[in-house]
């Protein structure tokens, strides 16, 4: 179950996160050498579009958020869809320990996506040291740091960008870190960022 993978992996794949005070350029490999981007160069954050009214949000996502103890400091961020790869995907939710956070899924035939909001962002920031690792930044100060989950790659898969990918997305006005798991690989995860929206409170 992906829930168990992400929660257990908090001390594995992302245990290698470290905070060395440096920031990678927007939407580039952390190993790239480029001039630092200024806020004017960065894309607008998709989740700063108009918040989605509660009745328009999939009911399982609302249920997960309603029962979460961190809902006052961690807004519901969810994928409005999974793109053509996950057409017709089903929205569901899972449990978190003592309802400390919320955990939502979008599951289709081709794969699935999970957004877990359980951990405080102060414990999740840092630069992935896995290779390859990537960072994407937005004009509102949000930052996503992501890397392949080689331990759960399909047998015979040689291209790291097609492995399942895990991301830590932080928003400046939210206290939680949004941990995103995408079984469809790097390109799908990056397109998923553009499909994330906040629910109106």
C-alpha atoms as a PDB file:
ATOM      1  CA  UNK A   1       0.000   0.000   0.000  1.00  0.00           C
ATOM      2  CA  UNK A   2       1.419   3.366  -1.010  1.00  0.00           C
ATOM      3  CA  UNK A   3       0.469   4.946   2.319  1.00  0.00           C
ATOM      4  CA  UNK A   4       2.757   2.574   4.158  1.00  0.00           C
ATOM      5  CA  UNK A   5       5.491   3.130   1.582  1.00  0.00           C
ATOM      6  CA  UNK A   6       5.476   6.905   2.043  1.00  0.00           C
ATOM      7  CA  UNK A   7       5.201   6.946   5.824  1.00  0.00           C
ATOM      8  CA  UNK A   8       7.860   4.267   6.205  1.00  0.00           C
ATOM      9  CA  UNK A   9      10.000   5.961   3.579  1.00  0.00           C
ATOM     10  CA  UNK A  10      10.109   9.150   5.621  1.00  0.00           C
ATOM     11  CA  UNK A  11      13.248   7.760   7.221  1.00  0.00           C
ATOM     12  CA  UNK A  12      14.640   6.140   4.063  1.00  0.00           C
ATOM     13  CA  UNK A  13      14.484   7.918   0.705  1.00  0.00           C
ATOM     14  CA  UNK A  14      14.020  11.339   2.274  1.00  0.00           C
ATOM     15  CA  UNK A  15      16.192  10.597   5.288  1.00  0.00           C
ATOM     16  CA  UNK A  16      19.042  11.700   3.045  1.00  0.00           C
ATOM     17  CA  UNK A  17      17.633  15.232   2.870  1.00  0.00           C
ATOM     18  CA  UNK A  18      20.022  17.801   4.256  1.00  0.00           C
ATOM     19  CA  UNK A  19      19.921  21.569   4.664  1.00  0.00           C
ATOM     20  CA  UNK A  20      23.184  23.044   3.444  1.00  0.00           C
ATOM     21  CA  UNK A  21      21.807  26.517   2.948  1.00  0.00           C
ATOM     22  CA  UNK A  22      21.930  26.336  -0.872  1.00  0.00           C
ATOM     23  CA  UNK A  23      19.055  26.385  -3.333  1.00  0.00           C
ATOM     24  CA  UNK A  24      18.962  24.858  -6.782  1.00  0.00           C
ATOM     25  CA  UNK A  25      17.706  26.837  -9.773  1.00  0.00           C
ATOM     26  CA  UNK A  26      14.013  26.614 -10.615  1.00  0.00           C
ATOM     27  CA  UNK A  27      12.914  23.440 -12.395  1.00  0.00           C
ATOM     28  CA  UNK A  28      16.436  22.072 -12.862  1.00  0.00           C
ATOM     29  CA  UNK A  29      18.575  19.225 -11.702  1.00  0.00           C
ATOM     30  CA  UNK A  30      20.212  20.043  -8.396  1.00  0.00           C
ATOM     31  CA  UNK A  31      23.514  19.170 -10.043  1.00  0.00           C
ATOM     32  CA  UNK A  32      23.104  21.842 -12.729  1.00  0.00           C
ATOM     33  CA  UNK A  33      25.219  24.980 -12.592  1.00  0.00           C
ATOM     34  CA  UNK A  34      23.073  27.985 -13.509  1.00  0.00           C
ATOM     35  CA  UNK A  35      22.525  31.538 -12.354  1.00  0.00           C
ATOM     36  CA  UNK A  36      20.041  31.776  -9.504  1.00  0.00           C
ATOM     37  CA  UNK A  37      16.513  32.706 -10.595  1.00  0.00           C
ATOM     38  CA  UNK A  38      14.827  35.825  -9.287  1.00  0.00           C
ATOM     39  CA  UNK A  39      11.120  35.845  -8.318  1.00  0.00           C
ATOM     40  CA  UNK A  40      10.306  37.624 -11.590  1.00  0.00           C
ATOM     41  CA  UNK A  41      11.744  34.690 -13.533  1.00  0.00           C
ATOM     42  CA  UNK A  42       9.705  32.075 -11.706  1.00  0.00           C
ATOM     43  CA  UNK A  43       6.344  30.654 -12.806  1.00  0.00           C
ATOM     44  CA  UNK A  44       3.153  31.505 -10.967  1.00  0.00           C
ATOM     45  CA  UNK A  45       2.150  28.798  -8.497  1.00  0.00           C
ATOM     46  CA  UNK A  46      -0.884  26.909  -9.854  1.00  0.00           C
ATOM     47  CA  UNK A  47      -2.380  26.652  -6.352  1.00  0.00           C
ATOM     48  CA  UNK A  48      -2.607  30.457  -6.179  1.00  0.00           C
ATOM     49  CA  UNK A  49      -5.414  30.345  -8.723  1.00  0.00           C
ATOM     50  CA  UNK A  50      -8.895  30.710  -7.266  1.00  0.00           C
ATOM     51  CA  UNK A  51      -9.416  28.160  -4.504  1.00  0.00           C
ATOM     52  CA  UNK A  52     -11.830  25.366  -5.357  1.00  0.00           C
ATOM     53  CA  UNK A  53     -15.171  25.583  -3.506  1.00  0.00           C
ATOM     54  CA  UNK A  54     -15.639  22.783  -1.021  1.00  0.00           C
ATOM     55  CA  UNK A  55     -18.646  21.218  -2.844  1.00  0.00           C
ATOM     56  CA  UNK A  56     -16.546  20.871  -6.005  1.00  0.00           C
ATOM     57  CA  UNK A  57     -13.740  18.943  -4.258  1.00  0.00           C
ATOM     58  CA  UNK A  58     -13.952  15.124  -4.387  1.00  0.00           C
ATOM     59  CA  UNK A  59     -15.774  13.974  -1.249  1.00  0.00           C
ATOM     60  CA  UNK A  60     -13.043  11.542  -0.085  1.00  0.00           C
ATOM     61  CA  UNK A  61     -10.525  14.387  -0.032  1.00  0.00           C
ATOM     62  CA  UNK A  62     -12.830  16.576   2.029  1.00  0.00           C
ATOM     63  CA  UNK A  63     -13.472  13.720   4.457  1.00  0.00           C
ATOM     64  CA  UNK A  64      -9.737  13.137   4.919  1.00  0.00           C
ATOM     65  CA  UNK A  65      -9.102  16.809   5.610  1.00  0.00           C
ATOM     66  CA  UNK A  66     -12.094  17.227   7.922  1.00  0.00           C
ATOM     67  CA  UNK A  67     -10.835  14.533  10.275  1.00  0.00           C
ATOM     68  CA  UNK A  68      -7.208  15.704  10.273  1.00  0.00           C
ATOM     69  CA  UNK A  69      -5.896  17.349  13.435  1.00  0.00           C
ATOM     70  CA  UNK A  70      -3.579  19.602  11.427  1.00  0.00           C
ATOM     71  CA  UNK A  71      -6.283  21.085   9.190  1.00  0.00           C
ATOM     72  CA  UNK A  72      -6.036  24.542  10.809  1.00  0.00           C
ATOM     73  CA  UNK A  73      -2.415  24.900   9.676  1.00  0.00           C
ATOM     74  CA  UNK A  74      -2.401  22.651   6.616  1.00  0.00           C
ATOM     75  CA  UNK A  75      -4.830  23.536   3.834  1.00  0.00           C
ATOM     76  CA  UNK A  76      -6.169  20.798   1.579  1.00  0.00           C
ATOM     77  CA  UNK A  77      -4.007  20.668  -1.555  1.00  0.00           C
ATOM     78  CA  UNK A  78      -5.235  18.160  -4.111  1.00  0.00           C
ATOM     79  CA  UNK A  79      -4.911  17.190  -7.792  1.00  0.00           C
ATOM     80  CA  UNK A  80      -7.920  18.332  -9.801  1.00  0.00           C
ATOM     81  CA  UNK A  81      -7.164  15.408 -12.136  1.00  0.00           C
ATOM     82  CA  UNK A  82      -4.319  13.100 -13.100  1.00  0.00           C
ATOM     83  CA  UNK A  83      -4.026  14.095 -16.739  1.00  0.00           C
ATOM     84  CA  UNK A  84      -4.704  11.749 -19.660  1.00  0.00           C
ATOM     85  CA  UNK A  85      -2.569   9.027 -18.092  1.00  0.00           C
ATOM     86  CA  UNK A  86      -5.029   8.762 -15.199  1.00  0.00           C
ATOM     87  CA  UNK A  87      -8.286   9.477 -17.012  1.00  0.00           C
ATOM     88  CA  UNK A  88     -11.173   8.166 -14.949  1.00  0.00           C
ATOM     89  CA  UNK A  89      -9.015   7.717 -11.853  1.00  0.00           C
ATOM     90  CA  UNK A  90     -10.755   7.253  -8.515  1.00  0.00           C
ATOM     91  CA  UNK A  91     -10.337   9.626  -5.570  1.00  0.00           C
ATOM     92  CA  UNK A  92      -9.917   7.912  -2.188  1.00  0.00           C
ATOM     93  CA  UNK A  93      -8.301   8.589   1.171  1.00  0.00           C
ATOM     94  CA  UNK A  94      -6.316   6.707   3.792  1.00  0.00           C
ATOM     95  CA  UNK A  95      -5.788   6.958   7.528  1.00  0.00           C
ATOM     96  CA  UNK A  96      -2.855   8.615   9.276  1.00  0.00           C
ATOM     97  CA  UNK A  97      -1.620   7.825  12.811  1.00  0.00           C
ATOM     98  CA  UNK A  98      -4.042   9.354  15.333  1.00  0.00           C
ATOM     99  CA  UNK A  99      -5.503  11.472  12.504  1.00  0.00           C
ATOM    100  CA  UNK A 100      -2.531  13.788  12.822  1.00  0.00           C
ATOM    101  CA  UNK A 101      -2.700  14.600   9.125  1.00  0.00           C
ATOM    102  CA  UNK A 102      -4.466  13.626   5.930  1.00  0.00           C
ATOM    103  CA  UNK A 103      -3.667  11.253   3.105  1.00  0.00           C
ATOM    104  CA  UNK A 104      -5.391  11.272  -0.294  1.00  0.00           C
ATOM    105  CA  UNK A 105      -5.061   9.158  -3.449  1.00  0.00           C
ATOM    106  CA  UNK A 106      -5.888   9.329  -7.129  1.00  0.00           C
ATOM    107  CA  UNK A 107      -5.805   5.800  -8.516  1.00  0.00           C
ATOM    108  CA  UNK A 108      -6.155   4.680 -12.122  1.00  0.00           C
ATOM    109  CA  UNK A 109      -5.304   1.688 -14.259  1.00  0.00           C
ATOM    110  CA  UNK A 110      -1.915   3.085 -15.277  1.00  0.00           C
ATOM    111  CA  UNK A 111      -0.778   4.105 -11.800  1.00  0.00           C
ATOM    112  CA  UNK A 112      -1.569   6.300  -8.862  1.00  0.00           C
ATOM    113  CA  UNK A 113      -0.750   9.493  -7.034  1.00  0.00           C
ATOM    114  CA  UNK A 114      -0.719  10.143  -3.307  1.00  0.00           C
ATOM    115  CA  UNK A 115      -0.600  13.439  -1.416  1.00  0.00           C
ATOM    116  CA  UNK A 116       0.257  13.042   2.252  1.00  0.00           C
ATOM    117  CA  UNK A 117       0.156  15.994   4.658  1.00  0.00           C
ATOM    118  CA  UNK A 118       1.407  14.629   7.948  1.00  0.00           C
ATOM    119  CA  UNK A 119       4.848  16.086   8.635  1.00  0.00           C
ATOM    120  CA  UNK A 120       5.808  19.585   9.732  1.00  0.00           C
ATOM    121  CA  UNK A 121       7.723  21.296   6.939  1.00  0.00           C
ATOM    122  CA  UNK A 122      10.541  22.237   9.299  1.00  0.00           C
ATOM    123  CA  UNK A 123      11.425  18.529   9.455  1.00  0.00           C
ATOM    124  CA  UNK A 124      11.168  17.959   5.698  1.00  0.00           C
ATOM    125  CA  UNK A 125      13.175  20.752   4.107  1.00  0.00           C
ATOM    126  CA  UNK A 126      16.590  20.182   2.605  1.00  0.00           C
ATOM    127  CA  UNK A 127      18.232  19.121  -0.598  1.00  0.00           C
ATOM    128  CA  UNK A 128      17.900  15.502  -1.821  1.00  0.00           C
ATOM    129  CA  UNK A 129      21.268  13.864  -2.326  1.00  0.00           C
ATOM    130  CA  UNK A 130      19.872  11.000  -4.405  1.00  0.00           C
ATOM    131  CA  UNK A 131      20.901  11.016  -8.052  1.00  0.00           C
ATOM    132  CA  UNK A 132      19.239  12.426 -10.005  1.00  0.00           C
ATOM    133  CA  UNK A 133      17.455  14.920  -7.777  1.00  0.00           C
ATOM    134  CA  UNK A 134      15.508  17.995  -8.791  1.00  0.00           C
ATOM    135  CA  UNK A 135      14.140  21.269  -7.454  1.00  0.00           C
ATOM    136  CA  UNK A 136      11.335  23.441  -8.803  1.00  0.00           C
ATOM    137  CA  UNK A 137      10.462  26.862  -7.397  1.00  0.00           C
ATOM    138  CA  UNK A 138       7.503  29.178  -7.921  1.00  0.00           C
ATOM    139  CA  UNK A 139       6.995  32.930  -7.635  1.00  0.00           C
ATOM    140  CA  UNK A 140       5.038  32.675  -4.364  1.00  0.00           C
ATOM    141  CA  UNK A 141       8.006  31.087  -2.592  1.00  0.00           C
ATOM    142  CA  UNK A 142       6.790  27.492  -2.858  1.00  0.00           C
ATOM    143  CA  UNK A 143       9.486  24.880  -3.478  1.00  0.00           C
ATOM    144  CA  UNK A 144       9.289  21.241  -4.548  1.00  0.00           C
ATOM    145  CA  UNK A 145      12.227  18.914  -4.102  1.00  0.00           C
ATOM    146  CA  UNK A 146      11.934  15.491  -5.674  1.00  0.00           C
ATOM    147  CA  UNK A 147      13.854  12.336  -6.506  1.00  0.00           C
ATOM    148  CA  UNK A 148      13.245   8.828  -7.848  1.00  0.00           C
ATOM    149  CA  UNK A 149      12.229   6.019  -5.528  1.00  0.00           C
ATOM    150  CA  UNK A 150      14.541   3.349  -6.902  1.00  0.00           C
ATOM    151  CA  UNK A 151      13.461   0.836  -4.269  1.00  0.00           C
ATOM    152  CA  UNK A 152       9.985   0.606  -5.773  1.00  0.00           C
ATOM    153  CA  UNK A 153      10.908   0.688  -9.459  1.00  0.00           C
ATOM    154  CA  UNK A 154       9.487  -2.047 -11.666  1.00  0.00           C
ATOM    155  CA  UNK A 155      11.944  -4.916 -12.325  1.00  0.00           C
ATOM    156  CA  UNK A 156      14.006  -4.253 -15.424  1.00  0.00           C
ATOM    157  CA  UNK A 157      13.462  -0.492 -15.371  1.00  0.00           C
ATOM    158  CA  UNK A 158      16.747   1.237 -16.154  1.00  0.00           C
ATOM    159  CA  UNK A 159      15.714   4.854 -16.641  1.00  0.00           C
ATOM    160  CA  UNK A 160      15.570   6.626 -13.247  1.00  0.00           C
ATOM    161  CA  UNK A 161      13.127   9.228 -14.587  1.00  0.00           C
ATOM    162  CA  UNK A 162      10.556   6.465 -15.120  1.00  0.00           C
ATOM    163  CA  UNK A 163      10.870   5.191 -11.541  1.00  0.00           C
ATOM    164  CA  UNK A 164       8.171   6.183  -9.066  1.00  0.00           C
ATOM    165  CA  UNK A 165       8.983   9.675  -7.796  1.00  0.00           C
ATOM    166  CA  UNK A 166       8.644  11.186  -4.335  1.00  0.00           C
ATOM    167  CA  UNK A 167       8.450  14.930  -3.717  1.00  0.00           C
ATOM    168  CA  UNK A 168       8.371  17.308  -0.785  1.00  0.00           C
ATOM    169  CA  UNK A 169       6.396  20.441  -1.641  1.00  0.00           C
ATOM    170  CA  UNK A 170       6.382  23.348   0.798  1.00  0.00           C
ATOM    171  CA  UNK A 171       4.166  26.438   0.605  1.00  0.00           C
ATOM    172  CA  UNK A 172       5.254  29.547   2.518  1.00  0.00           C
ATOM    173  CA  UNK A 173       1.864  30.016   4.189  1.00  0.00           C
ATOM    174  CA  UNK A 174       1.361  26.391   5.294  1.00  0.00           C
ATOM    175  CA  UNK A 175       3.054  24.694   8.243  1.00  0.00           C
ATOM    176  CA  UNK A 176       2.950  21.198   6.793  1.00  0.00           C
ATOM    177  CA  UNK A 177       5.014  19.664   4.028  1.00  0.00           C
ATOM    178  CA  UNK A 178       3.053  18.037   1.224  1.00  0.00           C
ATOM    179  CA  UNK A 179       4.682  14.718   0.386  1.00  0.00           C
ATOM    180  CA  UNK A 180       3.686  13.555  -3.081  1.00  0.00           C
ATOM    181  CA  UNK A 181       4.206  10.067  -4.467  1.00  0.00           C
ATOM    182  CA  UNK A 182       3.682   9.455  -8.188  1.00  0.00           C
ATOM    183  CA  UNK A 183       4.123   5.976  -9.635  1.00  0.00           C
ATOM    184  CA  UNK A 184       4.184   7.307 -13.212  1.00  0.00           C
ATOM    185  CA  UNK A 185       7.589   8.956 -12.999  1.00  0.00           C
ATOM    186  CA  UNK A 186       9.242  12.350 -13.229  1.00  0.00           C
ATOM    187  CA  UNK A 187       7.415  13.822 -16.228  1.00  0.00           C
ATOM    188  CA  UNK A 188       4.013  12.972 -14.780  1.00  0.00           C
ATOM    189  CA  UNK A 189       4.945  14.364 -11.369  1.00  0.00           C
ATOM    190  CA  UNK A 190       6.053  17.630 -12.943  1.00  0.00           C
ATOM    191  CA  UNK A 191       2.786  17.877 -14.871  1.00  0.00           C
ATOM    192  CA  UNK A 192       0.908  17.033 -11.678  1.00  0.00           C
ATOM    193  CA  UNK A 193       2.328  20.132  -9.975  1.00  0.00           C
ATOM    194  CA  UNK A 194       0.328  22.194 -12.474  1.00  0.00           C
ATOM    195  CA  UNK A 195      -2.877  20.356 -11.485  1.00  0.00           C
ATOM    196  CA  UNK A 196      -2.647  21.009  -7.743  1.00  0.00           C
ATOM    197  CA  UNK A 197      -5.201  23.346  -6.209  1.00  0.00           C
ATOM    198  CA  UNK A 198      -6.238  24.453  -2.720  1.00  0.00           C
ATOM    199  CA  UNK A 199      -9.714  23.946  -1.363  1.00  0.00           C
ATOM    200  CA  UNK A 200     -11.471  27.115  -0.246  1.00  0.00           C
ATOM    201  CA  UNK A 201     -11.923  27.232   3.502  1.00  0.00           C
END
